[in-house]
Amino acid sequence: MPVTTFAAPILPGKTEVWKQAVQEMTGSRKSEHEESRRRMGITREIASLQSTPQGDCVVVCLEADDPDAIIARILTSDFPFDRWFSETILKGVHGIGGPGGPPPPNQVFVDWEA
């Protein structure tokens, strides 16, 4: 299954908003989150908070049939959870979306597997 990874910088002052949104995704919105990911064809999603001297970022790993298309699909989805995720997390926490659209796919340099 194809995988993509990326780091999404958190806008200044938005780390607690991200943490609260993740609590919702794993709590009160868990079933909506799971349904969204199934509909998007995501088989695995990992999001880790990384603190750096330049600020916080979220390191994401997505496993899906077309992982590089996932962000664009979420940004244009009409499903209520996807709209919430897009507005709260992608746009609100990371500044992803709007007129610039989703970021371009990463360029993989090393992909080793035993």
N, C-alpha and C. Protein backbone atom coordinates (compact mmCIF):
# COMPACT_ATOMS: atom_id res chain seq x y z
N MET A 1 0.86 -1.18 0.00
CA MET A 1 0.00 0.00 0.00
C MET A 1 0.91 1.24 0.00
N PRO A 2 0.64 2.20 -0.88
CA PRO A 2 1.45 3.43 -0.93
C PRO A 2 1.34 4.24 0.37
N VAL A 3 2.41 4.94 0.68
CA VAL A 3 2.51 5.75 1.90
C VAL A 3 3.06 7.11 1.55
N THR A 4 2.60 8.13 2.27
CA THR A 4 3.23 9.44 2.17
C THR A 4 3.49 9.93 3.59
N THR A 5 4.52 10.73 3.73
CA THR A 5 4.84 11.36 5.01
C THR A 5 5.06 12.84 4.76
N PHE A 6 4.73 13.64 5.75
CA PHE A 6 5.00 15.07 5.63
C PHE A 6 4.99 15.71 7.01
N ALA A 7 5.64 16.85 7.10
CA ALA A 7 5.63 17.65 8.32
C ALA A 7 4.78 18.88 8.05
N ALA A 8 3.82 19.14 8.93
CA ALA A 8 2.93 20.29 8.80
C ALA A 8 3.20 21.24 9.96
N PRO A 9 3.88 22.36 9.70
CA PRO A 9 4.14 23.32 10.78
C PRO A 9 2.83 23.81 11.41
N ILE A 10 2.87 23.99 12.72
CA ILE A 10 1.72 24.53 13.45
C ILE A 10 1.90 26.04 13.54
N LEU A 11 0.85 26.76 13.20
CA LEU A 11 0.90 28.23 13.28
C LEU A 11 1.16 28.65 14.73
N PRO A 12 1.86 29.78 14.93
CA PRO A 12 2.15 30.23 16.29
C PRO A 12 0.88 30.32 17.15
N GLY A 13 0.98 29.77 18.35
CA GLY A 13 -0.14 29.82 19.29
C GLY A 13 -1.24 28.81 19.06
N LYS A 14 -1.07 27.90 18.11
CA LYS A 14 -2.15 26.96 17.76
C LYS A 14 -1.91 25.52 18.23
N THR A 15 -0.85 25.27 18.98
CA THR A 15 -0.57 23.90 19.42
C THR A 15 -1.68 23.35 20.30
N GLU A 16 -2.19 24.15 21.24
CA GLU A 16 -3.27 23.68 22.11
C GLU A 16 -4.55 23.42 21.33
N VAL A 17 -4.81 24.22 20.30
CA VAL A 17 -5.99 23.99 19.44
C VAL A 17 -5.84 22.63 18.77
N TRP A 18 -4.63 22.32 18.28
CA TRP A 18 -4.39 21.02 17.65
C TRP A 18 -4.62 19.89 18.64
N LYS A 19 -4.07 20.01 19.85
CA LYS A 19 -4.24 18.98 20.86
C LYS A 19 -5.72 18.76 21.20
N GLN A 20 -6.47 19.84 21.32
CA GLN A 20 -7.90 19.73 21.62
C GLN A 20 -8.65 19.05 20.48
N ALA A 21 -8.29 19.40 19.24
CA ALA A 21 -8.93 18.77 18.08
C ALA A 21 -8.63 17.28 18.04
N VAL A 22 -7.40 16.90 18.36
CA VAL A 22 -7.04 15.48 18.38
C VAL A 22 -7.83 14.76 19.47
N GLN A 23 -8.02 15.40 20.62
CA GLN A 23 -8.84 14.79 21.67
C GLN A 23 -10.26 14.53 21.17
N GLU A 24 -10.81 15.48 20.40
CA GLU A 24 -12.14 15.27 19.82
C GLU A 24 -12.12 14.10 18.84
N MET A 25 -11.08 14.05 17.98
CA MET A 25 -11.00 12.99 16.97
C MET A 25 -10.89 11.61 17.59
N THR A 26 -10.25 11.51 18.74
CA THR A 26 -10.08 10.22 19.39
C THR A 26 -11.13 9.98 20.47
N GLY A 27 -11.99 10.98 20.69
CA GLY A 27 -13.05 10.88 21.69
C GLY A 27 -14.42 11.02 21.06
N SER A 28 -15.02 12.19 21.24
CA SER A 28 -16.41 12.40 20.81
C SER A 28 -16.62 12.29 19.30
N ARG A 29 -15.60 12.51 18.50
CA ARG A 29 -15.72 12.42 17.04
C ARG A 29 -15.05 11.17 16.46
N LYS A 30 -14.73 10.21 17.31
CA LYS A 30 -13.99 9.03 16.86
C LYS A 30 -14.67 8.30 15.72
N SER A 31 -15.96 8.04 15.83
CA SER A 31 -16.65 7.30 14.77
C SER A 31 -16.69 8.10 13.47
N GLU A 32 -16.85 9.42 13.56
CA GLU A 32 -16.83 10.26 12.36
C GLU A 32 -15.44 10.24 11.71
N HIS A 33 -14.41 10.30 12.54
CA HIS A 33 -13.03 10.26 12.05
C HIS A 33 -12.77 8.94 11.33
N GLU A 34 -13.16 7.83 11.96
CA GLU A 34 -12.94 6.53 11.34
C GLU A 34 -13.70 6.38 10.02
N GLU A 35 -14.96 6.85 10.00
CA GLU A 35 -15.75 6.78 8.77
C GLU A 35 -15.12 7.63 7.67
N SER A 36 -14.62 8.79 8.02
CA SER A 36 -13.96 9.67 7.05
C SER A 36 -12.74 8.99 6.44
N ARG A 37 -11.93 8.41 7.30
CA ARG A 37 -10.71 7.77 6.81
C ARG A 37 -11.02 6.55 5.94
N ARG A 38 -12.02 5.78 6.30
CA ARG A 38 -12.42 4.64 5.46
C ARG A 38 -12.88 5.14 4.09
N ARG A 39 -13.73 6.19 4.09
CA ARG A 39 -14.25 6.74 2.85
C ARG A 39 -13.13 7.27 1.97
N MET A 40 -12.09 7.83 2.60
CA MET A 40 -10.95 8.38 1.85
C MET A 40 -9.99 7.29 1.38
N GLY A 41 -10.21 6.05 1.85
CA GLY A 41 -9.32 4.95 1.48
C GLY A 41 -8.04 4.90 2.29
N ILE A 42 -8.03 5.55 3.44
CA ILE A 42 -6.86 5.55 4.32
C ILE A 42 -6.89 4.28 5.16
N THR A 43 -5.79 3.54 5.15
CA THR A 43 -5.71 2.32 5.95
C THR A 43 -4.88 2.53 7.21
N ARG A 44 -4.07 3.59 7.24
CA ARG A 44 -3.30 3.92 8.44
C ARG A 44 -3.01 5.41 8.43
N GLU A 45 -3.11 6.01 9.62
CA GLU A 45 -2.83 7.44 9.79
C GLU A 45 -2.07 7.60 11.11
N ILE A 46 -0.90 8.21 11.04
CA ILE A 46 -0.12 8.50 12.23
C ILE A 46 0.16 10.00 12.22
N ALA A 47 -0.12 10.65 13.34
CA ALA A 47 0.17 12.08 13.49
C ALA A 47 0.90 12.27 14.81
N SER A 48 2.12 12.77 14.76
CA SER A 48 2.96 12.95 15.94
C SER A 48 3.33 14.42 16.09
N LEU A 49 3.28 14.91 17.31
CA LEU A 49 3.68 16.29 17.59
C LEU A 49 5.19 16.33 17.75
N GLN A 50 5.84 17.21 17.02
CA GLN A 50 7.30 17.39 17.09
C GLN A 50 7.59 18.83 17.44
N SER A 51 8.27 19.04 18.56
CA SER A 51 8.68 20.39 18.95
C SER A 51 10.10 20.63 18.46
N THR A 52 10.32 21.76 17.81
CA THR A 52 11.64 22.11 17.29
C THR A 52 11.97 23.53 17.73
N PRO A 53 13.22 23.94 17.61
CA PRO A 53 13.56 25.34 17.93
C PRO A 53 12.81 26.36 17.06
N GLN A 54 12.36 25.93 15.87
CA GLN A 54 11.62 26.81 14.97
C GLN A 54 10.13 26.81 15.25
N GLY A 55 9.68 25.96 16.16
CA GLY A 55 8.26 25.87 16.49
C GLY A 55 7.78 24.43 16.40
N ASP A 56 6.52 24.23 16.75
CA ASP A 56 5.93 22.89 16.71
C ASP A 56 5.46 22.54 15.31
N CYS A 57 5.48 21.24 15.02
CA CYS A 57 4.91 20.76 13.76
C CYS A 57 4.32 19.38 14.02
N VAL A 58 3.49 18.95 13.10
CA VAL A 58 2.91 17.62 13.17
C VAL A 58 3.54 16.81 12.04
N VAL A 59 4.08 15.66 12.41
CA VAL A 59 4.66 14.74 11.44
C VAL A 59 3.59 13.70 11.15
N VAL A 60 3.22 13.58 9.87
CA VAL A 60 2.10 12.73 9.47
C VAL A 60 2.58 11.64 8.54
N CYS A 61 2.02 10.45 8.73
CA CYS A 61 2.22 9.33 7.83
C CYS A 61 0.84 8.83 7.43
N LEU A 62 0.58 8.78 6.14
CA LEU A 62 -0.70 8.28 5.62
C LEU A 62 -0.46 7.11 4.70
N GLU A 63 -1.20 6.04 4.91
CA GLU A 63 -1.17 4.88 4.04
C GLU A 63 -2.53 4.80 3.36
N ALA A 64 -2.52 4.83 2.03
CA ALA A 64 -3.77 4.82 1.26
C ALA A 64 -3.45 4.47 -0.19
N ASP A 65 -4.50 4.19 -0.97
CA ASP A 65 -4.30 3.89 -2.39
C ASP A 65 -3.63 5.06 -3.11
N ASP A 66 -4.03 6.30 -2.79
CA ASP A 66 -3.45 7.50 -3.40
C ASP A 66 -3.20 8.52 -2.29
N PRO A 67 -2.19 8.30 -1.44
CA PRO A 67 -2.00 9.15 -0.27
C PRO A 67 -1.72 10.61 -0.59
N ASP A 68 -1.10 10.88 -1.73
CA ASP A 68 -0.79 12.28 -2.06
C ASP A 68 -2.03 13.09 -2.41
N ALA A 69 -3.16 12.43 -2.66
CA ALA A 69 -4.39 13.14 -3.01
C ALA A 69 -5.29 13.39 -1.79
N ILE A 70 -4.95 12.84 -0.64
CA ILE A 70 -5.84 12.88 0.52
C ILE A 70 -6.13 14.31 0.98
N ILE A 71 -5.12 15.14 1.13
CA ILE A 71 -5.34 16.50 1.64
C ILE A 71 -6.28 17.27 0.71
N ALA A 72 -6.06 17.19 -0.58
CA ALA A 72 -6.93 17.88 -1.54
C ALA A 72 -8.36 17.36 -1.44
N ARG A 73 -8.52 16.06 -1.25
CA ARG A 73 -9.86 15.48 -1.13
C ARG A 73 -10.57 15.95 0.13
N ILE A 74 -9.83 16.05 1.23
CA ILE A 74 -10.44 16.53 2.48
C ILE A 74 -10.83 18.00 2.32
N LEU A 75 -9.97 18.80 1.71
CA LEU A 75 -10.24 20.23 1.54
C LEU A 75 -11.49 20.49 0.69
N THR A 76 -11.81 19.58 -0.21
CA THR A 76 -12.96 19.79 -1.10
C THR A 76 -14.18 18.96 -0.74
N SER A 77 -14.08 18.18 0.33
CA SER A 77 -15.18 17.30 0.74
C SER A 77 -16.35 18.11 1.31
N ASP A 78 -17.55 17.61 1.09
CA ASP A 78 -18.76 18.22 1.66
C ASP A 78 -19.25 17.50 2.91
N PHE A 79 -18.58 16.42 3.32
CA PHE A 79 -19.00 15.70 4.51
C PHE A 79 -18.71 16.53 5.75
N PRO A 80 -19.62 16.57 6.72
CA PRO A 80 -19.47 17.44 7.89
C PRO A 80 -18.15 17.25 8.66
N PHE A 81 -17.73 16.01 8.90
CA PHE A 81 -16.47 15.82 9.62
C PHE A 81 -15.30 16.36 8.82
N ASP A 82 -15.28 16.09 7.52
CA ASP A 82 -14.18 16.57 6.68
C ASP A 82 -14.14 18.10 6.65
N ARG A 83 -15.32 18.73 6.64
CA ARG A 83 -15.38 20.21 6.69
C ARG A 83 -14.80 20.71 8.01
N TRP A 84 -15.18 20.06 9.13
CA TRP A 84 -14.65 20.42 10.44
C TRP A 84 -13.13 20.25 10.47
N PHE A 85 -12.64 19.09 9.99
CA PHE A 85 -11.21 18.80 9.97
C PHE A 85 -10.47 19.83 9.11
N SER A 86 -11.03 20.13 7.97
CA SER A 86 -10.43 21.11 7.06
C SER A 86 -10.33 22.49 7.71
N GLU A 87 -11.43 22.97 8.27
CA GLU A 87 -11.45 24.30 8.88
C GLU A 87 -10.64 24.38 10.17
N THR A 88 -10.79 23.37 11.04
CA THR A 88 -10.16 23.40 12.35
C THR A 88 -8.67 23.08 12.30
N ILE A 89 -8.34 22.01 11.60
CA ILE A 89 -6.96 21.53 11.62
C ILE A 89 -6.16 22.01 10.41
N LEU A 90 -6.60 21.66 9.21
CA LEU A 90 -5.79 22.01 8.04
C LEU A 90 -5.62 23.52 7.91
N LYS A 91 -6.72 24.26 7.89
CA LYS A 91 -6.64 25.71 7.73
C LYS A 91 -6.32 26.41 9.04
N GLY A 92 -7.04 26.06 10.12
CA GLY A 92 -6.92 26.78 11.37
C GLY A 92 -5.61 26.57 12.10
N VAL A 93 -5.09 25.35 12.09
CA VAL A 93 -3.86 25.04 12.83
C VAL A 93 -2.63 25.13 11.93
N HIS A 94 -2.77 24.65 10.69
CA HIS A 94 -1.60 24.57 9.81
C HIS A 94 -1.56 25.63 8.70
N GLY A 95 -2.67 26.30 8.44
CA GLY A 95 -2.69 27.26 7.34
C GLY A 95 -2.68 26.61 5.97
N ILE A 96 -3.12 25.35 5.89
CA ILE A 96 -3.15 24.61 4.62
C ILE A 96 -4.52 24.79 3.99
N GLY A 97 -4.55 25.14 2.73
CA GLY A 97 -5.81 25.32 2.01
C GLY A 97 -5.96 26.76 1.58
N GLY A 98 -7.17 27.14 1.27
CA GLY A 98 -7.40 28.49 0.79
C GLY A 98 -6.95 28.62 -0.65
N PRO A 99 -6.59 29.83 -1.07
CA PRO A 99 -6.25 30.05 -2.48
C PRO A 99 -5.05 29.25 -2.96
N GLY A 100 -4.11 28.94 -2.04
CA GLY A 100 -2.93 28.19 -2.43
C GLY A 100 -3.17 26.70 -2.60
N GLY A 101 -4.29 26.21 -2.09
CA GLY A 101 -4.59 24.79 -2.19
C GLY A 101 -3.68 23.97 -1.32
N PRO A 102 -3.68 22.66 -1.52
CA PRO A 102 -2.84 21.78 -0.70
C PRO A 102 -1.37 21.92 -1.11
N PRO A 103 -0.47 21.56 -0.20
CA PRO A 103 0.95 21.60 -0.56
C PRO A 103 1.26 20.51 -1.59
N PRO A 104 2.35 20.68 -2.35
CA PRO A 104 2.72 19.64 -3.31
C PRO A 104 3.18 18.38 -2.59
N PRO A 105 3.14 17.23 -3.26
CA PRO A 105 3.60 15.99 -2.63
C PRO A 105 5.09 16.08 -2.29
N ASN A 106 5.49 15.30 -1.30
CA ASN A 106 6.90 15.23 -0.92
C ASN A 106 7.70 14.51 -1.97
N GLN A 107 8.99 14.78 -1.96
CA GLN A 107 9.92 14.08 -2.83
C GLN A 107 10.67 13.09 -1.95
N VAL A 108 10.45 11.80 -2.15
CA VAL A 108 11.06 10.76 -1.31
C VAL A 108 12.48 10.49 -1.80
N PHE A 109 13.41 10.48 -0.85
CA PHE A 109 14.80 10.19 -1.18
C PHE A 109 15.25 8.83 -0.64
N VAL A 110 14.70 8.39 0.49
CA VAL A 110 15.04 7.09 1.05
C VAL A 110 13.75 6.39 1.46
N ASP A 111 13.61 5.15 1.03
CA ASP A 111 12.47 4.32 1.43
C ASP A 111 12.99 2.90 1.57
N TRP A 112 13.52 2.59 2.75
CA TRP A 112 14.10 1.29 3.01
C TRP A 112 13.13 0.41 3.76
N GLU A 113 13.08 -0.85 3.43
CA GLU A 113 12.22 -1.80 4.12
C GLU A 113 12.92 -3.15 4.19
N ALA A 114 12.82 -3.80 5.33
CA ALA A 114 13.45 -5.13 5.49
C ALA A 114 12.60 -6.19 4.86
